[in-house]
C-alpha atoms as a PDB file:
ATOM      1  CA  MET A   1      10.129   9.369  -5.751  1.00  0.00           C
ATOM      2  CA  VAL A   2       6.834   7.740  -6.290  1.00  0.00           C
ATOM      3  CA  SER A   3       3.672   9.729  -7.820  1.00  0.00           C
ATOM      4  CA  ILE A   4      -0.073   8.938  -7.484  1.00  0.00           C
ATOM      5  CA  GLU A   5       0.128   8.329 -11.438  1.00  0.00           C
ATOM      6  CA  THR A   6       2.732   5.579 -10.968  1.00  0.00           C
ATOM      7  CA  PHE A   7       0.781   4.162  -7.943  1.00  0.00           C
ATOM      8  CA  ARG A   8      -2.400   4.159 -10.256  1.00  0.00           C
ATOM      9  CA  LYS A   9      -0.632   2.661 -13.239  1.00  0.00           C
ATOM     10  CA  LEU A  10       0.715  -0.081 -10.995  1.00  0.00           C
ATOM     11  CA  ALA A  11      -2.337  -0.742  -8.934  1.00  0.00           C
ATOM     12  CA  MET A  12      -4.613  -0.765 -12.174  1.00  0.00           C
ATOM     13  CA  SER A  13      -2.289  -3.232 -14.029  1.00  0.00           C
ATOM     14  CA  PHE A  14      -3.523  -6.013 -11.455  1.00  0.00           C
ATOM     15  CA  PRO A  15      -6.225  -8.253 -12.501  1.00  0.00           C
ATOM     16  CA  ASN A  16      -9.696  -7.200 -11.360  1.00  0.00           C
ATOM     17  CA  ALA A  17      -8.254  -4.086  -9.712  1.00  0.00           C
ATOM     18  CA  THR A  18     -10.769  -0.917  -9.239  1.00  0.00           C
ATOM     19  CA  GLU A  19      -9.929   2.819  -7.984  1.00  0.00           C
ATOM     20  CA  GLU A  20     -12.665   4.109  -5.778  1.00  0.00           C
ATOM     21  CA  PRO A  21     -12.924   6.985  -3.175  1.00  0.00           C
ATOM     22  CA  HIS A  22     -12.204   5.996   0.498  1.00  0.00           C
ATOM     23  CA  PHE A  23     -12.994   8.966   2.730  1.00  0.00           C
ATOM     24  CA  GLU A  24     -10.563  11.576   1.603  1.00  0.00           C
ATOM     25  CA  LYS A  25      -8.170   9.263  -0.113  1.00  0.00           C
ATOM     26  CA  THR A  26      -7.847   7.216  -3.171  1.00  0.00           C
ATOM     27  CA  SER A  27      -8.449   3.485  -2.702  1.00  0.00           C
ATOM     28  CA  PHE A  28      -7.383   0.685  -4.871  1.00  0.00           C
ATOM     29  CA  ARG A  29      -9.168  -2.513  -4.301  1.00  0.00           C
ATOM     30  CA  VAL A  30      -9.508  -6.237  -5.369  1.00  0.00           C
ATOM     31  CA  ASN A  31     -12.521  -8.280  -5.062  1.00  0.00           C
ATOM     32  CA  LYS A  32     -14.069  -5.218  -3.075  1.00  0.00           C
ATOM     33  CA  LYS A  33     -11.221  -5.287  -0.539  1.00  0.00           C
ATOM     34  CA  ILE A  34      -8.553  -2.594  -0.276  1.00  0.00           C
ATOM     35  CA  PHE A  35      -5.080  -3.447  -0.929  1.00  0.00           C
ATOM     36  CA  GLY A  36      -3.743   0.412  -1.044  1.00  0.00           C
ATOM     37  CA  THR A  37      -4.802   3.865  -0.402  1.00  0.00           C
ATOM     38  CA  PHE A  38      -3.201   7.357  -1.461  1.00  0.00           C
ATOM     39  CA  ASP A  39      -3.354  10.193   0.948  1.00  0.00           C
ATOM     40  CA  GLU A  40      -2.719  13.205  -1.489  1.00  0.00           C
ATOM     41  CA  LYS A  41      -2.609  15.854   1.265  1.00  0.00           C
ATOM     42  CA  ASN A  42       0.365  14.146   3.058  1.00  0.00           C
ATOM     43  CA  ASN A  43       1.880  12.488  -0.269  1.00  0.00           C
ATOM     44  CA  ARG A  44       1.828   8.786   1.189  1.00  0.00           C
ATOM     45  CA  ALA A  45       0.458   5.461   0.598  1.00  0.00           C
ATOM     46  CA  VAL A  46      -0.936   2.850   3.009  1.00  0.00           C
ATOM     47  CA  LEU A  47      -0.572  -0.824   1.993  1.00  0.00           C
ATOM     48  CA  LYS A  48      -1.731  -4.044   3.332  1.00  0.00           C
ATOM     49  CA  LEU A  49       0.985  -6.271   4.179  1.00  0.00           C
ATOM     50  CA  ASN A  50       1.278  -9.451   6.041  1.00  0.00           C
ATOM     51  CA  GLU A  51       3.340  -9.325   9.365  1.00  0.00           C
ATOM     52  CA  ILE A  52       6.559 -10.824   7.942  1.00  0.00           C
ATOM     53  CA  ASP A  53       6.521  -8.410   4.929  1.00  0.00           C
ATOM     54  CA  GLN A  54       5.677  -5.398   7.064  1.00  0.00           C
ATOM     55  CA  SER A  55       8.566  -6.070   9.406  1.00  0.00           C
ATOM     56  CA  VAL A  56      11.224  -6.477   6.361  1.00  0.00           C
ATOM     57  CA  PHE A  57      10.013  -3.424   4.836  1.00  0.00           C
ATOM     58  CA  CYS A  58      10.233  -1.356   7.899  1.00  0.00           C
ATOM     59  CA  ALA A  59      13.386  -2.507   9.073  1.00  0.00           C
ATOM     60  CA  SER A  60      14.779  -1.627   5.536  1.00  0.00           C
ATOM     61  CA  SER A  61      13.896   2.056   6.458  1.00  0.00           C
ATOM     62  CA  GLU A  62      11.818   3.315   9.268  1.00  0.00           C
ATOM     63  CA  LYS A  63      11.652   6.539   7.554  1.00  0.00           C
ATOM     64  CA  ILE A  64      10.154   5.276   4.510  1.00  0.00           C
ATOM     65  CA  PHE A  65       7.844   2.193   5.716  1.00  0.00           C
ATOM     66  CA  TYR A  66       6.259   2.316   9.043  1.00  0.00           C
ATOM     67  CA  PRO A  67       3.120   0.633  10.557  1.00  0.00           C
ATOM     68  CA  ILE A  68       0.227   2.785  11.352  1.00  0.00           C
ATOM     69  CA  PRO A  69       0.332   3.626  14.974  1.00  0.00           C
ATOM     70  CA  ASN A  70      -2.822   2.028  16.171  1.00  0.00           C
ATOM     71  CA  LYS A  71      -4.509  -1.589  15.506  1.00  0.00           C
ATOM     72  CA  TRP A  72      -4.525  -1.331  11.874  1.00  0.00           C
ATOM     73  CA  GLY A  73      -0.836  -1.190  12.027  1.00  0.00           C
ATOM     74  CA  LYS A  74      -0.804  -4.444  14.079  1.00  0.00           C
ATOM     75  CA  GLN A  75      -2.924  -5.978  11.397  1.00  0.00           C
ATOM     76  CA  GLY A  76      -0.323  -5.181   8.468  1.00  0.00           C
ATOM     77  CA  TRP A  77      -1.365  -1.895   7.171  1.00  0.00           C
ATOM     78  CA  THR A  78       1.886   0.108   6.596  1.00  0.00           C
ATOM     79  CA  ILE A  79       2.626   3.638   5.455  1.00  0.00           C
ATOM     80  CA  VAL A  80       4.930   4.499   2.484  1.00  0.00           C
ATOM     81  CA  GLU A  81       6.352   7.830   2.296  1.00  0.00           C
ATOM     82  CA  PHE A  82       6.114   8.858  -1.587  1.00  0.00           C
ATOM     83  CA  SER A  83       8.981  11.640  -1.035  1.00  0.00           C
ATOM     84  CA  GLU A  84      11.307   8.846  -0.014  1.00  0.00           C
ATOM     85  CA  VAL A  85      10.581   5.566  -1.698  1.00  0.00           C
ATOM     86  CA  ARG A  86      12.470   4.177  -4.614  1.00  0.00           C
ATOM     87  CA  PRO A  87       9.983   3.138  -7.373  1.00  0.00           C
ATOM     88  CA  GLU A  88      11.230  -0.134  -7.456  1.00  0.00           C
ATOM     89  CA  MET A  89      10.625  -0.946  -3.563  1.00  0.00           C
ATOM     90  CA  PHE A  90       7.234   0.626  -3.762  1.00  0.00           C
ATOM     91  CA  GLU A  91       6.426  -1.808  -6.606  1.00  0.00           C
ATOM     92  CA  ASP A  92       7.730  -4.830  -4.768  1.00  0.00           C
ATOM     93  CA  ALA A  93       5.544  -3.675  -1.690  1.00  0.00           C
ATOM     94  CA  LEU A  94       2.324  -3.003  -3.918  1.00  0.00           C
ATOM     95  CA  ILE A  95       2.722  -6.517  -5.369  1.00  0.00           C
ATOM     96  CA  LEU A  96       2.865  -7.992  -1.883  1.00  0.00           C
ATOM     97  CA  SER A  97      -0.115  -5.856  -0.629  1.00  0.00           C
ATOM     98  CA  TYR A  98      -2.389  -7.129  -3.621  1.00  0.00           C
ATOM     99  CA  GLU A  99      -1.291 -10.666  -3.256  1.00  0.00           C
ATOM    100  CA  ASN A 100      -1.709 -10.676   0.348  1.00  0.00           C
ATOM    101  CA  VAL A 101      -5.343  -9.394  -0.276  1.00  0.00           C
ATOM    102  CA  ILE A 102      -6.029 -11.664  -2.985  1.00  0.00           C
ATOM    103  CA  SER A 103      -4.991 -14.593  -0.887  1.00  0.00           C
ATOM    104  CA  LYS A 104      -7.508 -14.222   1.929  1.00  0.00           C
ATOM    105  CA  LYS A 105     -10.485 -16.298   1.979  1.00  0.00           C
ATOM    106  CA  LYS A 106     -13.621 -14.194   0.524  1.00  0.00           C
END
């Protein structure tokens, strides 16, 4: 299981990462772009994966990783259930999310 403290520690270890509110959630950003959010009420995260990474993580476990069920999900935004995800798997997905956001043109 992953906690917000684990998420925060990992996210803030990335260069130029910031933590900011995003509506009722906590967001983690780089260059003002969100690479992850935490939804405390539902105990889950949302990460910005590319299409290939999203399909790999979702195929590994549909109960843990799944696209947001709307146009955002088709753009790579992926829900991660904290109560089910292994810390190493979450860390791998978070790294990919961060790298995906920093690789985009500004």
